[in-house]
Amino acid sequence: MKLLLIEAINRHRKIGRSFLSFGLGYIASYLKKHIPSLEIKIINHTIAETLSSFKPDMVGISSVTQNYGIAKEIAHMCKNES
């Protein structure tokens, strides 16, 4: 089974992060420990390309309030890709 975890970030803001949040890493670590056969990827960019190449069975999206609209767009993209 494949799981894709996406951090919804605003790529247009000049001030931002280029690293992934610890929260998704903790989730991935926990799941990998308890479900060793699970293949997990964590991303915050190249979403469309990763969806088509990785072909996940499940997708999780993490977002802060100000990026809720971006998270909705990502969810719509994921739904259309499946």
PDB file of N, CA and C in Angstrom:
ATOM      1  N   MET A   1       0.843  -1.174   0.000  1.00  0.00           N
ATOM      2  CA  MET A   1       0.000   0.000   0.000  1.00  0.00           C
ATOM      3  C   MET A   1       0.891   1.241   0.000  1.00  0.00           C
ATOM      4  N   LYS A   2       0.450   2.264  -0.709  1.00  0.00           N
ATOM      5  CA  LYS A   2       1.210   3.507  -0.822  1.00  0.00           C
ATOM      6  C   LYS A   2       0.432   4.663  -0.203  1.00  0.00           C
ATOM      7  N   LEU A   3       1.134   5.469   0.583  1.00  0.00           N
ATOM      8  CA  LEU A   3       0.547   6.638   1.244  1.00  0.00           C
ATOM      9  C   LEU A   3       1.357   7.867   0.860  1.00  0.00           C
ATOM     10  N   LEU A   4       0.673   8.894   0.408  1.00  0.00           N
ATOM     11  CA  LEU A   4       1.310  10.168   0.094  1.00  0.00           C
ATOM     12  C   LEU A   4       0.832  11.201   1.104  1.00  0.00           C
ATOM     13  N   LEU A   5       1.762  11.814   1.825  1.00  0.00           N
ATOM     14  CA  LEU A   5       1.451  12.873   2.779  1.00  0.00           C
ATOM     15  C   LEU A   5       1.916  14.191   2.175  1.00  0.00           C
ATOM     16  N   ILE A   6       1.000  15.149   2.106  1.00  0.00           N
ATOM     17  CA  ILE A   6       1.280  16.433   1.465  1.00  0.00           C
ATOM     18  C   ILE A   6       1.112  17.557   2.470  1.00  0.00           C
ATOM     19  N   GLU A   7       2.089  18.438   2.528  1.00  0.00           N
ATOM     20  CA  GLU A   7       1.975  19.648   3.338  1.00  0.00           C
ATOM     21  C   GLU A   7       1.567  20.783   2.413  1.00  0.00           C
ATOM     22  N   ALA A   8       0.377  21.330   2.630  1.00  0.00           N
ATOM     23  CA  ALA A   8      -0.140  22.412   1.801  1.00  0.00           C
ATOM     24  C   ALA A   8       0.538  23.722   2.224  1.00  0.00           C
ATOM     25  N   ILE A   9       1.384  24.244   1.343  1.00  0.00           N
ATOM     26  CA  ILE A   9       2.065  25.501   1.640  1.00  0.00           C
ATOM     27  C   ILE A   9       1.823  26.480   0.505  1.00  0.00           C
ATOM     28  N   ASN A  10       1.956  27.751   0.809  1.00  0.00           N
ATOM     29  CA  ASN A  10       1.811  28.796  -0.190  1.00  0.00           C
ATOM     30  C   ASN A  10       3.175  29.023  -0.830  1.00  0.00           C
ATOM     31  N   ARG A  11       3.359  28.539  -2.046  1.00  0.00           N
ATOM     32  CA  ARG A  11       4.643  28.643  -2.739  1.00  0.00           C
ATOM     33  C   ARG A  11       4.916  30.058  -3.234  1.00  0.00           C
ATOM     34  N   HIS A  12       3.917  30.949  -3.205  1.00  0.00           N
ATOM     35  CA  HIS A  12       4.090  32.307  -3.721  1.00  0.00           C
ATOM     36  C   HIS A  12       4.565  33.300  -2.670  1.00  0.00           C
ATOM     37  N   ARG A  13       4.548  32.917  -1.413  1.00  0.00           N
ATOM     38  CA  ARG A  13       5.029  33.815  -0.350  1.00  0.00           C
ATOM     39  C   ARG A  13       6.537  33.882  -0.388  1.00  0.00           C
ATOM     40  N   LYS A  14       7.058  35.089  -0.258  1.00  0.00           N
ATOM     41  CA  LYS A  14       8.514  35.255  -0.272  1.00  0.00           C
ATOM     42  C   LYS A  14       9.143  34.704   0.994  1.00  0.00           C
ATOM     43  N   ILE A  15       8.436  34.828   2.110  1.00  0.00           N
ATOM     44  CA  ILE A  15       8.927  34.285   3.368  1.00  0.00           C
ATOM     45  C   ILE A  15       8.235  32.948   3.573  1.00  0.00           C
ATOM     46  N   GLY A  16       9.002  31.911   3.724  1.00  0.00           N
ATOM     47  CA  GLY A  16       8.395  30.606   3.895  1.00  0.00           C
ATOM     48  C   GLY A  16       9.439  29.574   4.245  1.00  0.00           C
ATOM     49  N   ARG A  17       8.987  28.331   4.224  1.00  0.00           N
ATOM     50  CA  ARG A  17       9.879  27.247   4.582  1.00  0.00           C
ATOM     51  C   ARG A  17      10.142  26.391   3.363  1.00  0.00           C
ATOM     52  N   SER A  18      11.329  25.870   3.303  1.00  0.00           N
ATOM     53  CA  SER A  18      11.636  24.924   2.237  1.00  0.00           C
ATOM     54  C   SER A  18      11.762  23.512   2.785  1.00  0.00           C
ATOM     55  N   PHE A  19      11.592  23.359   4.103  1.00  0.00           N
ATOM     56  CA  PHE A  19      11.689  22.044   4.727  1.00  0.00           C
ATOM     57  C   PHE A  19      10.308  21.562   5.136  1.00  0.00           C
ATOM     58  N   LEU A  20      10.183  20.266   5.337  1.00  0.00           N
ATOM     59  CA  LEU A  20       8.907  19.670   5.712  1.00  0.00           C
ATOM     60  C   LEU A  20       8.690  19.751   7.216  1.00  0.00           C
ATOM     61  N   SER A  21       7.440  19.746   7.627  1.00  0.00           N
ATOM     62  CA  SER A  21       7.116  19.838   9.044  1.00  0.00           C
ATOM     63  C   SER A  21       7.434  18.529   9.760  1.00  0.00           C
ATOM     64  N   PHE A  22       7.707  18.623  11.049  1.00  0.00           N
ATOM     65  CA  PHE A  22       7.965  17.440  11.856  1.00  0.00           C
ATOM     66  C   PHE A  22       6.708  16.587  12.003  1.00  0.00           C
ATOM     67  N   GLY A  23       5.532  17.216  12.013  1.00  0.00           N
ATOM     68  CA  GLY A  23       4.285  16.489  12.225  1.00  0.00           C
ATOM     69  C   GLY A  23       4.082  15.359  11.238  1.00  0.00           C
ATOM     70  N   LEU A  24       4.273  15.640   9.956  1.00  0.00           N
ATOM     71  CA  LEU A  24       4.113  14.589   8.951  1.00  0.00           C
ATOM     72  C   LEU A  24       5.191  13.527   9.093  1.00  0.00           C
ATOM     73  N   GLY A  25       6.381  13.932   9.488  1.00  0.00           N
ATOM     74  CA  GLY A  25       7.456  12.974   9.727  1.00  0.00           C
ATOM     75  C   GLY A  25       7.130  12.039  10.874  1.00  0.00           C
ATOM     76  N   TYR A  26       6.553  12.590  11.947  1.00  0.00           N
ATOM     77  CA  TYR A  26       6.151  11.760  13.090  1.00  0.00           C
ATOM     78  C   TYR A  26       5.073  10.761  12.689  1.00  0.00           C
ATOM     79  N   ILE A  27       4.107  11.228  11.916  1.00  0.00           N
ATOM     80  CA  ILE A  27       3.031  10.335  11.452  1.00  0.00           C
ATOM     81  C   ILE A  27       3.614   9.216  10.587  1.00  0.00           C
ATOM     82  N   ALA A  28       4.488   9.577   9.653  1.00  0.00           N
ATOM     83  CA  ALA A  28       5.097   8.589   8.765  1.00  0.00           C
ATOM     84  C   ALA A  28       5.919   7.575   9.558  1.00  0.00           C
ATOM     85  N   SER A  29       6.673   8.051  10.538  1.00  0.00           N
ATOM     86  CA  SER A  29       7.500   7.176  11.363  1.00  0.00           C
ATOM     87  C   SER A  29       6.643   6.179  12.146  1.00  0.00           C
ATOM     88  N   TYR A  30       5.574   6.670  12.732  1.00  0.00           N
ATOM     89  CA  TYR A  30       4.670   5.809  13.502  1.00  0.00           C
ATOM     90  C   TYR A  30       4.045   4.740  12.602  1.00  0.00           C
ATOM     91  N   LEU A  31       3.540   5.171  11.444  1.00  0.00           N
ATOM     92  CA  LEU A  31       2.890   4.229  10.538  1.00  0.00           C
ATOM     93  C   LEU A  31       3.875   3.195  10.018  1.00  0.00           C
ATOM     94  N   LYS A  32       5.092   3.624   9.688  1.00  0.00           N
ATOM     95  CA  LYS A  32       6.105   2.707   9.176  1.00  0.00           C
ATOM     96  C   LYS A  32       6.490   1.667  10.236  1.00  0.00           C
ATOM     97  N   LYS A  33       6.510   2.086  11.495  1.00  0.00           N
ATOM     98  CA  LYS A  33       6.839   1.170  12.585  1.00  0.00           C
ATOM     99  C   LYS A  33       5.763   0.098  12.745  1.00  0.00           C
ATOM    100  N   HIS A  34       4.495   0.489  12.617  1.00  0.00           N
ATOM    101  CA  HIS A  34       3.386  -0.428  12.858  1.00  0.00           C
ATOM    102  C   HIS A  34       2.869  -1.118  11.594  1.00  0.00           C
ATOM    103  N   ILE A  35       3.201  -0.572  10.431  1.00  0.00           N
ATOM    104  CA  ILE A  35       2.806  -1.186   9.157  1.00  0.00           C
ATOM    105  C   ILE A  35       4.042  -1.174   8.255  1.00  0.00           C
ATOM    106  N   PRO A  36       4.967  -2.099   8.461  1.00  0.00           N
ATOM    107  CA  PRO A  36       6.238  -2.068   7.725  1.00  0.00           C
ATOM    108  C   PRO A  36       6.107  -2.143   6.205  1.00  0.00           C
ATOM    109  N   SER A  37       5.039  -2.740   5.709  1.00  0.00           N
ATOM    110  CA  SER A  37       4.867  -2.866   4.264  1.00  0.00           C
ATOM    111  C   SER A  37       4.388  -1.571   3.596  1.00  0.00           C
ATOM    112  N   LEU A  38       4.040  -0.573   4.390  1.00  0.00           N
ATOM    113  CA  LEU A  38       3.522   0.693   3.870  1.00  0.00           C
ATOM    114  C   LEU A  38       4.648   1.513   3.245  1.00  0.00           C
ATOM    115  N   GLU A  39       4.430   1.958   2.026  1.00  0.00           N
ATOM    116  CA  GLU A  39       5.380   2.837   1.343  1.00  0.00           C
ATOM    117  C   GLU A  39       4.869   4.271   1.487  1.00  0.00           C
ATOM    118  N   ILE A  40       5.693   5.157   2.040  1.00  0.00           N
ATOM    119  CA  ILE A  40       5.259   6.521   2.362  1.00  0.00           C
ATOM    120  C   ILE A  40       6.162   7.545   1.695  1.00  0.00           C
ATOM    121  N   LYS A  41       5.537   8.589   1.134  1.00  0.00           N
ATOM    122  CA  LYS A  41       6.261   9.755   0.624  1.00  0.00           C
ATOM    123  C   LYS A  41       5.665  10.989   1.279  1.00  0.00           C
ATOM    124  N   ILE A  42       6.530  11.955   1.602  1.00  0.00           N
ATOM    125  CA  ILE A  42       6.091  13.235   2.157  1.00  0.00           C
ATOM    126  C   ILE A  42       6.599  14.322   1.223  1.00  0.00           C
ATOM    127  N   ILE A  43       5.685  15.193   0.771  1.00  0.00           N
ATOM    128  CA  ILE A  43       6.075  16.256  -0.164  1.00  0.00           C
ATOM    129  C   ILE A  43       5.371  17.564   0.195  1.00  0.00           C
ATOM    130  N   ASN A  44       5.880  18.668  -0.380  1.00  0.00           N
ATOM    131  CA  ASN A  44       5.188  19.952  -0.292  1.00  0.00           C
ATOM    132  C   ASN A  44       5.249  20.692  -1.631  1.00  0.00           C
ATOM    133  N   HIS A  45       5.709  20.020  -2.670  1.00  0.00           N
ATOM    134  CA  HIS A  45       5.759  20.594  -4.014  1.00  0.00           C
ATOM    135  C   HIS A  45       5.704  19.458  -5.035  1.00  0.00           C
ATOM    136  N   THR A  46       5.694  19.753  -6.301  1.00  0.00           N
ATOM    137  CA  THR A  46       5.570  18.780  -7.407  1.00  0.00           C
ATOM    138  C   THR A  46       4.466  17.759  -7.138  1.00  0.00           C
ATOM    139  N   ILE A  47       3.326  18.258  -6.725  1.00  0.00           N
ATOM    140  CA  ILE A  47       2.221  17.383  -6.320  1.00  0.00           C
ATOM    141  C   ILE A  47       1.647  16.600  -7.500  1.00  0.00           C
ATOM    142  N   ALA A  48       1.344  17.284  -8.594  1.00  0.00           N
ATOM    143  CA  ALA A  48       0.747  16.603  -9.747  1.00  0.00           C
ATOM    144  C   ALA A  48       1.681  15.529 -10.296  1.00  0.00           C
ATOM    145  N   GLU A  49       2.957  15.855 -10.383  1.00  0.00           N
ATOM    146  CA  GLU A  49       3.933  14.892 -10.901  1.00  0.00           C
ATOM    147  C   GLU A  49       4.050  13.674  -9.982  1.00  0.00           C
ATOM    148  N   THR A  50       4.068  13.922  -8.670  1.00  0.00           N
ATOM    149  CA  THR A  50       4.182  12.827  -7.712  1.00  0.00           C
ATOM    150  C   THR A  50       2.933  11.956  -7.729  1.00  0.00           C
ATOM    151  N   LEU A  51       1.767  12.565  -7.860  1.00  0.00           N
ATOM    152  CA  LEU A  51       0.531  11.784  -7.936  1.00  0.00           C
ATOM    153  C   LEU A  51       0.553  10.833  -9.123  1.00  0.00           C
ATOM    154  N   SER A  52       1.006  11.319 -10.270  1.00  0.00           N
ATOM    155  CA  SER A  52       0.993  10.467 -11.459  1.00  0.00           C
ATOM    156  C   SER A  52       2.104   9.424 -11.445  1.00  0.00           C
ATOM    157  N   SER A  53       3.247   9.721 -10.838  1.00  0.00           N
ATOM    158  CA  SER A  53       4.337   8.742 -10.832  1.00  0.00           C
ATOM    159  C   SER A  53       4.256   7.766  -9.651  1.00  0.00           C
ATOM    160  N   PHE A  54       3.888   8.242  -8.472  1.00  0.00           N
ATOM    161  CA  PHE A  54       3.841   7.411  -7.267  1.00  0.00           C
ATOM    162  C   PHE A  54       2.547   6.594  -7.180  1.00  0.00           C
ATOM    163  N   LYS A  55       1.457   7.134  -7.688  1.00  0.00           N
ATOM    164  CA  LYS A  55       0.136   6.497  -7.677  1.00  0.00           C
ATOM    165  C   LYS A  55      -0.246   5.975  -6.285  1.00  0.00           C
ATOM    166  N   PRO A  56      -0.465   6.889  -5.334  1.00  0.00           N
ATOM    167  CA  PRO A  56      -0.771   6.468  -3.961  1.00  0.00           C
ATOM    168  C   PRO A  56      -2.170   5.871  -3.833  1.00  0.00           C
ATOM    169  N   ASP A  57      -2.307   4.976  -2.843  1.00  0.00           N
ATOM    170  CA  ASP A  57      -3.620   4.418  -2.513  1.00  0.00           C
ATOM    171  C   ASP A  57      -4.393   5.368  -1.600  1.00  0.00           C
ATOM    172  N   MET A  58      -3.640   6.111  -0.779  1.00  0.00           N
ATOM    173  CA  MET A  58      -4.239   7.081   0.139  1.00  0.00           C
ATOM    174  C   MET A  58      -3.400   8.352   0.125  1.00  0.00           C
ATOM    175  N   VAL A  59      -4.075   9.487   0.391  1.00  0.00           N
ATOM    176  CA  VAL A  59      -3.396  10.777   0.466  1.00  0.00           C
ATOM    177  C   VAL A  59      -3.846  11.478   1.734  1.00  0.00           C
ATOM    178  N   GLY A  60      -2.890  12.027   2.467  1.00  0.00           N
ATOM    179  CA  GLY A  60      -3.187  12.851   3.627  1.00  0.00           C
ATOM    180  C   GLY A  60      -2.657  14.244   3.378  1.00  0.00           C
ATOM    181  N   ILE A  61      -3.414  15.258   3.753  1.00  0.00           N
ATOM    182  CA  ILE A  61      -3.016  16.652   3.512  1.00  0.00           C
ATOM    183  C   ILE A  61      -2.975  17.384   4.840  1.00  0.00           C
ATOM    184  N   SER A  62      -1.856  18.043   5.106  1.00  0.00           N
ATOM    185  CA  SER A  62      -1.690  18.845   6.311  1.00  0.00           C
ATOM    186  C   SER A  62      -1.700  20.316   5.913  1.00  0.00           C
ATOM    187  N   SER A  63      -2.388  21.131   6.718  1.00  0.00           N
ATOM    188  CA  SER A  63      -2.498  22.545   6.384  1.00  0.00           C
ATOM    189  C   SER A  63      -2.705  23.381   7.633  1.00  0.00           C
ATOM    190  N   VAL A  64      -2.238  24.611   7.566  1.00  0.00           N
ATOM    191  CA  VAL A  64      -2.586  25.603   8.577  1.00  0.00           C
ATOM    192  C   VAL A  64      -3.758  26.412   8.029  1.00  0.00           C
ATOM    193  N   THR A  65      -4.416  27.147   8.888  1.00  0.00           N
ATOM    194  CA  THR A  65      -5.645  27.840   8.503  1.00  0.00           C
ATOM    195  C   THR A  65      -5.480  28.731   7.275  1.00  0.00           C
ATOM    196  N   GLN A  66      -4.406  29.508   7.208  1.00  0.00           N
ATOM    197  CA  GLN A  66      -4.252  30.435   6.088  1.00  0.00           C
ATOM    198  C   GLN A  66      -4.021  29.719   4.753  1.00  0.00           C
ATOM    199  N   ASN A  67      -3.692  28.429   4.779  1.00  0.00           N
ATOM    200  CA  ASN A  67      -3.488  27.677   3.542  1.00  0.00           C
ATOM    201  C   ASN A  67      -4.640  26.699   3.262  1.00  0.00           C
ATOM    202  N   TYR A  68      -5.770  26.910   3.903  1.00  0.00           N
ATOM    203  CA  TYR A  68      -6.924  26.033   3.724  1.00  0.00           C
ATOM    204  C   TYR A  68      -7.361  25.976   2.259  1.00  0.00           C
ATOM    205  N   GLY A  69      -7.379  27.100   1.593  1.00  0.00           N
ATOM    206  CA  GLY A  69      -7.766  27.144   0.174  1.00  0.00           C
ATOM    207  C   GLY A  69      -6.819  26.321  -0.690  1.00  0.00           C
ATOM    208  N   ILE A  70      -5.541  26.382  -0.382  1.00  0.00           N
ATOM    209  CA  ILE A  70      -4.543  25.601  -1.105  1.00  0.00           C
ATOM    210  C   ILE A  70      -4.774  24.113  -0.852  1.00  0.00           C
ATOM    211  N   ALA A  71      -5.076  23.756   0.398  1.00  0.00           N
ATOM    212  CA  ALA A  71      -5.350  22.361   0.744  1.00  0.00           C
ATOM    213  C   ALA A  71      -6.566  21.843  -0.027  1.00  0.00           C
ATOM    214  N   LYS A  72      -7.589  22.688  -0.178  1.00  0.00           N
ATOM    215  CA  LYS A  72      -8.775  22.279  -0.945  1.00  0.00           C
ATOM    216  C   LYS A  72      -8.417  22.041  -2.406  1.00  0.00           C
ATOM    217  N   GLU A  73      -7.573  22.895  -2.973  1.00  0.00           N
ATOM    218  CA  GLU A  73      -7.138  22.709  -4.363  1.00  0.00           C
ATOM    219  C   GLU A  73      -6.359  21.400  -4.518  1.00  0.00           C
ATOM    220  N   ILE A  74      -5.500  21.111  -3.563  1.00  0.00           N
ATOM    221  CA  ILE A  74      -4.724  19.873  -3.599  1.00  0.00           C
ATOM    222  C   ILE A  74      -5.658  18.663  -3.503  1.00  0.00           C
ATOM    223  N   ALA A  75      -6.637  18.730  -2.610  1.00  0.00           N
ATOM    224  CA  ALA A  75      -7.595  17.631  -2.462  1.00  0.00           C
ATOM    225  C   ALA A  75      -8.360  17.402  -3.766  1.00  0.00           C
ATOM    226  N   HIS A  76      -8.758  18.476  -4.413  1.00  0.00           N
ATOM    227  CA  HIS A  76      -9.477  18.379  -5.684  1.00  0.00           C
ATOM    228  C   HIS A  76      -8.559  17.732  -6.743  1.00  0.00           C
ATOM    229  N   MET A  77      -7.298  18.141  -6.768  1.00  0.00           N
ATOM    230  CA  MET A  77      -6.335  17.570  -7.706  1.00  0.00           C
ATOM    231  C   MET A  77      -6.164  16.066  -7.454  1.00  0.00           C
ATOM    232  N   CYS A  78      -6.084  15.679  -6.190  1.00  0.00           N
ATOM    233  CA  CYS A  78      -5.926  14.265  -5.838  1.00  0.00           C
ATOM    234  C   CYS A  78      -7.149  13.453  -6.263  1.00  0.00           C
ATOM    235  N   LYS A  79      -8.314  14.013  -6.025  1.00  0.00           N
ATOM    236  CA  LYS A  79      -9.550  13.315  -6.386  1.00  0.00           C
ATOM    237  C   LYS A  79      -9.652  13.122  -7.892  1.00  0.00           C
ATOM    238  N   ASN A  80      -9.278  14.136  -8.660  1.00  0.00           N
ATOM    239  CA  ASN A  80      -9.340  14.041 -10.119  1.00  0.00           C
ATOM    240  C   ASN A  80      -8.296  13.075 -10.671  1.00  0.00           C
ATOM    241  N   GLU A  81      -7.178  12.942  -9.975  1.00  0.00           N
ATOM    242  CA  GLU A  81      -6.101  12.058 -10.435  1.00  0.00           C
ATOM    243  C   GLU A  81      -6.449  10.584 -10.232  1.00  0.00           C
ATOM    244  N   SER A  82      -7.300  10.295  -9.238  1.00  0.00           N
ATOM    245  CA  SER A  82      -7.614   8.879  -8.938  1.00  0.00           C
ATOM    246  C   SER A  82      -8.596   8.276  -9.908  1.00  0.00           C
TER     247      SER A  82
END
